[in-house]
Amino acid sequence: MMMNNLIRPIVLGCVPVAIATLLVTGCQESSAPSVKPTIDPVTQFQQQNPPPVSTPPALVVVSPTVTPTPEDSAKHEAQVAGSSKSDFTELPQPPASVKPTTKPKVKAEDAYQQEKPTLMGLKLGTSKNAVLDRFGKAKKQFVMDEEEDPIQVYDFIDFSVGFNKKDALEFVDVHSTEIDPGLRGLHLGQKVQDALDILGKPDSNSKYVLSYKSQGTLLKLDIDPNENTIQSIKLFADH
């Protein structure tokens, strides 16, 4: 009994000490700072605020309006046509307006008459220079070989003339309906009756030829028997 009474104060004294010890330990644990991972402020700022993405401005290309020049148009036309020329300045240009060639006209006083037989207003024996001065340069020229007297022929397309070795007019031959031969309105292609009405009765009248003799000349009209029209008109010497 006595022993128990001695132990009780010791135990009772130790209890407060143990409790105090536990309280101190708990306070120390609770007051120790917890270790947290280190975070770089810059990295944290970048993660929270990502850098803005810069969008490049849109490029607007304005094509200037080009008015095609005549040369550009010519190049385009040549390319479309398959031209192989590299120098387009050599492309043919549109031809200038060409005035129609004026047909020679016969004056009324130079028209055919029985007392003064002419054709194209020309009288046989007229000099070559006078004829060429009147009608200009011929389109063709050649020589008809004759045994006694070669004839120089000058062709003016609508009619032709011939000169002997003395350069004197030997004949006139009209072979176009587009020219006035100077027979008082009679032209190639007209009917035989028109010739009879204008020139009168011929010295020779056949199915193929009408002939008028005058002053040593012969006016010959060749006839198309099927159409009964005048095909050619000639004036030459009546030998």
Protein backbone atom coordinates (compact mmCIF):
# COMPACT_ATOMS: atom_id res chain seq x y z
CA MET A 1 0.00 0.00 0.00
CA MET A 2 2.65 2.28 0.87
CA MET A 3 4.46 1.46 -2.36
CA ASN A 4 1.38 2.31 -4.45
CA ASN A 5 1.05 5.57 -2.77
CA LEU A 6 4.62 6.42 -3.71
CA ILE A 7 4.26 5.44 -7.38
CA ARG A 8 1.03 7.38 -7.94
CA PRO A 9 2.63 10.82 -7.54
CA ILE A 10 5.42 9.84 -9.87
CA VAL A 11 2.98 8.68 -12.55
CA LEU A 12 0.83 11.69 -12.12
CA GLY A 13 3.88 13.88 -12.46
CA CYS A 14 5.01 12.21 -15.62
CA VAL A 15 1.70 12.55 -17.45
CA PRO A 16 1.82 16.30 -17.76
CA VAL A 17 5.41 16.05 -19.00
CA ALA A 18 4.44 13.54 -21.72
CA ILE A 19 1.52 15.65 -22.81
CA ALA A 20 3.69 18.71 -22.99
CA THR A 21 6.25 16.83 -25.05
CA LEU A 22 3.60 15.71 -27.54
CA LEU A 23 2.26 19.24 -27.88
CA VAL A 24 5.73 20.65 -28.56
CA THR A 25 6.47 18.01 -31.19
CA GLY A 26 3.16 18.62 -32.91
CA CYS A 27 3.75 22.35 -32.97
CA GLN A 28 7.20 21.89 -34.48
CA GLU A 29 5.82 19.68 -37.27
CA SER A 30 2.99 22.04 -37.97
CA SER A 31 5.29 25.08 -38.00
CA ALA A 32 7.88 23.51 -40.44
CA PRO A 33 7.40 24.98 -43.94
CA SER A 34 6.27 22.56 -46.66
CA VAL A 35 8.65 22.20 -49.63
CA LYS A 36 7.02 23.31 -52.86
CA PRO A 37 8.50 22.99 -56.41
CA THR A 38 10.34 26.09 -57.62
CA ILE A 39 8.54 27.85 -60.54
CA ASP A 40 10.36 30.24 -62.81
CA PRO A 41 8.32 33.47 -62.93
CA VAL A 42 9.17 34.07 -66.57
CA THR A 43 8.03 30.57 -67.56
CA GLN A 44 4.87 30.97 -65.54
CA PHE A 45 4.15 34.31 -67.24
CA GLN A 46 4.71 32.81 -70.68
CA GLN A 47 2.40 29.90 -69.91
CA GLN A 48 -0.31 32.12 -68.57
CA ASN A 49 0.10 34.74 -71.27
CA PRO A 50 1.27 33.14 -74.56
CA PRO A 51 2.90 35.61 -76.96
CA PRO A 52 0.49 36.96 -79.54
CA VAL A 53 0.82 35.51 -83.03
CA SER A 54 1.52 38.28 -85.56
CA THR A 55 -0.48 37.96 -88.77
CA PRO A 56 1.29 39.50 -91.80
CA PRO A 57 -0.85 42.07 -93.62
CA ALA A 58 -2.48 40.86 -96.84
CA LEU A 59 -0.71 42.02 -99.97
CA VAL A 60 -3.01 43.66 -102.50
CA VAL A 61 -1.56 43.67 -106.01
CA VAL A 62 -3.13 46.23 -108.31
CA SER A 63 -2.57 45.50 -111.99
CA PRO A 64 -2.36 48.67 -114.06
CA THR A 65 -4.82 48.93 -116.90
CA VAL A 66 -2.93 48.78 -120.18
CA THR A 67 -4.46 50.16 -123.35
CA PRO A 68 -3.28 48.06 -126.33
CA THR A 69 -1.40 50.00 -128.96
CA PRO A 70 -1.81 49.39 -132.72
CA GLU A 71 1.54 47.59 -132.67
CA ASP A 72 0.35 45.29 -129.85
CA SER A 73 -2.83 44.58 -131.81
CA ALA A 74 -0.74 43.76 -134.88
CA LYS A 75 1.42 41.40 -132.83
CA HIS A 76 -1.65 39.66 -131.45
CA GLU A 77 -3.18 39.28 -134.91
CA ALA A 78 0.09 37.92 -136.28
CA GLN A 79 0.36 35.42 -133.42
CA VAL A 80 -3.23 34.27 -133.94
CA ALA A 81 -2.55 33.90 -137.66
CA GLY A 82 0.55 31.82 -136.93
CA SER A 83 3.06 34.36 -138.17
CA SER A 84 6.66 33.27 -137.64
CA LYS A 85 8.09 36.78 -138.02
CA SER A 86 9.80 38.21 -135.01
CA ASP A 87 9.92 41.74 -136.37
CA PHE A 88 6.30 42.81 -136.48
CA THR A 89 7.17 46.12 -138.03
CA GLU A 90 7.39 44.23 -141.32
CA LEU A 91 3.79 43.19 -141.22
CA PRO A 92 1.95 44.32 -144.31
CA GLN A 93 -0.02 47.50 -143.86
CA PRO A 94 -3.51 47.97 -145.29
CA PRO A 95 -3.15 49.29 -148.85
CA ALA A 96 -4.06 52.90 -149.47
CA SER A 97 -7.15 53.55 -151.50
CA VAL A 98 -6.29 53.17 -155.17
CA LYS A 99 -8.06 55.42 -157.59
CA PRO A 100 -9.45 53.56 -160.59
CA THR A 101 -7.54 54.11 -163.80
CA THR A 102 -9.34 56.61 -165.99
CA LYS A 103 -10.28 55.15 -169.34
CA PRO A 104 -9.31 57.28 -172.35
CA LYS A 105 -12.14 59.19 -173.92
CA VAL A 106 -12.51 60.13 -177.55
CA LYS A 107 -13.52 63.67 -178.38
CA ALA A 108 -16.59 64.11 -180.54
CA GLU A 109 -14.58 65.74 -183.31
CA ASP A 110 -12.25 62.72 -183.38
CA ALA A 111 -15.04 60.12 -183.68
CA TYR A 112 -15.34 57.93 -186.77
CA GLN A 113 -16.68 59.51 -189.93
CA GLN A 114 -16.70 58.32 -193.52
CA GLU A 115 -14.62 61.30 -194.61
CA LYS A 116 -12.26 60.94 -191.63
CA PRO A 117 -12.05 57.28 -190.54
CA THR A 118 -10.62 56.85 -187.05
CA LEU A 119 -10.66 54.37 -184.17
CA MET A 120 -9.94 55.41 -180.58
CA GLY A 121 -9.71 58.87 -182.13
CA LEU A 122 -6.57 57.80 -184.01
CA LYS A 123 -6.02 58.19 -187.72
CA LEU A 124 -3.79 55.77 -189.58
CA GLY A 125 -0.35 57.20 -190.33
CA THR A 126 -0.16 59.05 -186.95
CA SER A 127 3.37 59.02 -185.52
CA LYS A 128 4.25 56.66 -182.68
CA ASN A 129 5.38 59.53 -180.46
CA ALA A 130 2.02 61.28 -180.84
CA VAL A 131 0.15 58.09 -179.90
CA LEU A 132 2.33 57.37 -176.85
CA ASP A 133 2.10 60.98 -175.70
CA ARG A 134 -1.67 60.67 -175.79
CA PHE A 135 -2.12 57.27 -174.12
CA GLY A 136 1.06 56.91 -172.09
CA LYS A 137 3.14 53.80 -171.53
CA ALA A 138 1.79 50.52 -172.89
CA LYS A 139 1.31 47.48 -170.64
CA LYS A 140 2.87 45.11 -173.16
CA GLN A 141 5.07 45.48 -176.21
CA PHE A 142 6.12 42.94 -178.84
CA VAL A 143 6.92 42.63 -182.57
CA MET A 144 4.82 40.88 -185.20
CA ASP A 145 7.28 39.46 -187.72
CA GLU A 146 6.18 40.29 -191.20
CA GLU A 147 8.25 39.43 -194.24
CA GLU A 148 8.21 42.91 -195.69
CA ASP A 149 7.48 45.15 -192.70
CA PRO A 150 7.65 43.96 -189.05
CA ILE A 151 4.95 45.60 -186.91
CA GLN A 152 5.70 46.97 -183.42
CA VAL A 153 2.66 46.27 -181.24
CA TYR A 154 1.83 48.30 -178.10
CA ASP A 155 -0.89 46.75 -175.94
CA PHE A 156 -2.86 49.06 -173.60
CA ILE A 157 -5.05 46.18 -172.25
CA ASP A 158 -8.35 47.56 -173.63
CA PHE A 159 -6.91 48.17 -177.07
CA SER A 160 -3.66 47.80 -178.98
CA VAL A 161 -1.90 49.70 -181.76
CA GLY A 162 0.73 48.73 -184.33
CA PHE A 163 3.47 50.76 -186.00
CA ASN A 164 5.43 50.01 -189.16
CA LYS A 165 9.16 50.44 -189.60
CA LYS A 166 8.62 54.17 -190.20
CA ASP A 167 6.95 54.43 -186.74
CA ALA A 168 3.66 55.33 -188.40
CA LEU A 169 0.34 53.96 -187.10
CA GLU A 170 -0.56 50.82 -189.07
CA PHE A 171 -3.64 49.54 -187.20
CA VAL A 172 -5.88 49.96 -184.14
CA ASP A 173 -7.55 46.95 -182.48
CA VAL A 174 -10.23 47.35 -179.78
CA HIS A 175 -10.89 44.25 -177.66
CA SER A 176 -12.68 45.40 -174.50
CA THR A 177 -16.30 46.26 -173.75
CA GLU A 178 -15.15 48.71 -171.04
CA ILE A 179 -13.83 51.35 -173.41
CA ASP A 180 -15.40 53.77 -175.88
CA PRO A 181 -13.81 53.13 -179.30
CA GLY A 182 -15.06 56.43 -180.72
CA LEU A 183 -17.73 55.00 -183.03
CA ARG A 184 -20.47 57.44 -182.05
CA GLY A 185 -21.68 55.27 -179.16
CA LEU A 186 -21.11 51.81 -180.60
CA HIS A 187 -19.30 49.36 -178.25
CA LEU A 188 -18.18 45.76 -178.26
CA GLY A 189 -20.91 43.34 -177.25
CA GLN A 190 -23.69 45.27 -178.96
CA LYS A 191 -25.91 43.73 -181.59
CA VAL A 192 -25.27 43.84 -185.33
CA GLN A 193 -28.39 45.93 -185.79
CA ASP A 194 -26.89 48.59 -183.49
CA ALA A 195 -23.88 48.84 -185.83
CA LEU A 196 -26.16 49.18 -188.87
CA ASP A 197 -28.19 51.89 -187.18
CA ILE A 198 -25.10 53.91 -186.13
CA LEU A 199 -22.63 53.35 -188.98
CA GLY A 200 -25.06 52.77 -191.82
CA LYS A 201 -24.91 50.19 -194.57
CA PRO A 202 -21.56 48.30 -194.68
CA ASP A 203 -19.51 47.67 -197.80
CA SER A 204 -19.39 43.99 -196.86
CA ASN A 205 -21.95 42.15 -194.73
CA SER A 206 -21.67 38.47 -193.87
CA LYS A 207 -22.57 36.21 -191.00
CA TYR A 208 -19.12 36.79 -189.50
CA VAL A 209 -17.94 40.25 -190.58
CA LEU A 210 -19.17 43.79 -191.21
CA SER A 211 -16.72 45.95 -193.21
CA TYR A 212 -16.68 49.68 -193.91
CA LYS A 213 -14.24 51.10 -196.47
CA SER A 214 -13.22 54.73 -196.43
CA GLN A 215 -10.22 56.84 -197.45
CA GLY A 216 -7.96 53.83 -198.02
CA THR A 217 -8.88 52.24 -194.66
CA LEU A 218 -11.00 49.28 -193.65
CA LEU A 219 -13.12 49.26 -190.48
CA LYS A 220 -13.78 45.62 -189.68
CA LEU A 221 -16.31 44.38 -187.10
CA ASP A 222 -16.07 40.65 -186.25
CA ILE A 223 -19.43 39.08 -185.40
CA ASP A 224 -20.37 36.18 -183.12
CA PRO A 225 -22.83 34.26 -185.34
CA ASN A 226 -24.52 32.55 -182.39
CA GLU A 227 -25.14 35.69 -180.31
CA ASN A 228 -25.20 38.07 -183.29
CA THR A 229 -23.01 40.48 -181.33
CA ILE A 230 -19.84 42.43 -182.11
CA GLN A 231 -16.72 40.62 -180.83
CA SER A 232 -13.88 42.87 -182.07
CA ILE A 233 -13.35 46.14 -183.90
CA LYS A 234 -10.27 46.89 -186.07
CA LEU A 235 -9.11 49.69 -188.29
CA PHE A 236 -6.25 49.05 -190.72
CA ALA A 237 -5.06 50.00 -194.17
CA ASP A 238 -7.05 48.66 -197.11
CA HIS A 239 -4.29 47.37 -199.39
